[in-house]
Amino acid sequence: MPPEDFHRWFGATAYASDSSDQITIWVPSESIRRHIVNQYHDALFAALESLGRADTHVRFVVGGTEEDED
C-alpha cells in the first residue's frame, strides 16, 4: 500500500482494544469505516492470518473515545 493511501485511510484511526478474538479500532467517520471494510478486508485478514490470528475479528467503531464504546 502506498504511504499516502495508508495515511489517508488509516492515519486518523486509533487502537481501542484487543480481547484476543476481537480487535477494536476507532475510526473518525462512517465513510472511512465503510471504505476500510470494503477495500482492505482481504489485506487485513491476510495480515492477521500471517500472525496466527485468522480467527480474530477486526471491529471498526466510529468515534474515538472510550465513552463512545459504552
Protein backbone atom coordinates (compact mmCIF):
# COMPACT_ATOMS: atom_id res chain seq x y z
CA MET A 1 0.00 0.00 0.00
CA PRO A 2 1.42 3.39 -0.92
CA PRO A 3 2.20 5.54 2.15
CA GLU A 4 -0.25 8.23 1.04
CA ASP A 5 -3.10 5.67 0.91
CA PHE A 6 -2.18 4.38 4.35
CA HIS A 7 -2.12 7.93 5.72
CA ARG A 8 -5.42 8.83 4.03
CA TRP A 9 -7.42 5.83 5.27
CA PHE A 10 -5.63 4.71 8.44
CA GLY A 11 -3.95 7.91 9.65
CA ALA A 12 -6.86 9.01 11.82
CA THR A 13 -7.65 5.57 13.23
CA ALA A 14 -6.76 4.63 16.79
CA TYR A 15 -6.36 1.39 18.69
CA ALA A 16 -9.20 0.80 21.14
CA SER A 17 -8.80 -2.78 22.43
CA ASP A 18 -7.70 -6.34 21.76
CA SER A 19 -9.56 -9.15 23.51
CA SER A 20 -7.64 -11.86 21.61
CA ASP A 21 -10.62 -12.83 19.44
CA GLN A 22 -11.54 -9.23 18.52
CA ILE A 23 -9.53 -6.10 17.83
CA THR A 24 -11.43 -2.83 18.05
CA ILE A 25 -10.25 0.22 16.13
CA TRP A 26 -11.67 3.74 16.39
CA VAL A 27 -12.34 5.49 13.07
CA PRO A 28 -13.34 9.14 12.65
CA SER A 29 -16.33 8.71 10.33
CA GLU A 30 -18.75 6.20 8.86
CA SER A 31 -17.46 6.83 5.34
CA ILE A 32 -13.89 5.95 6.37
CA ARG A 33 -15.15 2.89 8.26
CA ARG A 34 -17.05 1.70 5.17
CA HIS A 35 -14.10 2.31 2.88
CA ILE A 36 -11.65 0.41 5.10
CA VAL A 37 -14.03 -2.53 5.49
CA ASN A 38 -14.83 -2.68 1.77
CA GLN A 39 -11.35 -2.08 0.37
CA TYR A 40 -8.99 -3.59 2.94
CA HIS A 41 -10.87 -6.56 4.41
CA ASP A 42 -8.81 -9.14 2.49
CA ALA A 43 -5.49 -7.48 3.30
CA LEU A 44 -6.39 -7.22 7.00
CA PHE A 45 -7.46 -10.86 7.08
CA ALA A 46 -4.22 -11.93 5.37
CA ALA A 47 -2.17 -9.93 7.88
CA LEU A 48 -3.99 -11.49 10.82
CA GLU A 49 -3.64 -14.93 9.30
CA SER A 50 0.11 -14.43 8.89
CA LEU A 51 0.26 -13.58 12.60
CA GLY A 52 -1.60 -16.76 13.53
CA ARG A 53 -4.78 -14.86 14.31
CA ALA A 54 -7.08 -15.95 11.47
CA ASP A 55 -9.98 -16.28 13.93
CA THR A 56 -9.62 -12.69 15.15
CA HIS A 57 -12.36 -10.28 14.09
CA VAL A 58 -11.48 -6.62 13.49
CA ARG A 59 -14.25 -4.24 14.52
CA PHE A 60 -14.15 -0.63 13.33
CA VAL A 61 -16.12 1.74 15.54
CA VAL A 62 -16.96 5.30 14.58
CA GLY A 63 -15.98 7.52 17.46
CA GLY A 64 -12.73 7.90 19.23
CA THR A 65 -13.16 7.88 22.96
CA GLU A 66 -13.75 5.05 25.39
CA GLU A 67 -17.09 6.61 26.35
CA ASP A 68 -18.29 6.02 22.76
CA GLU A 69 -17.97 2.26 23.20
CA ASP A 70 -20.45 2.10 26.09
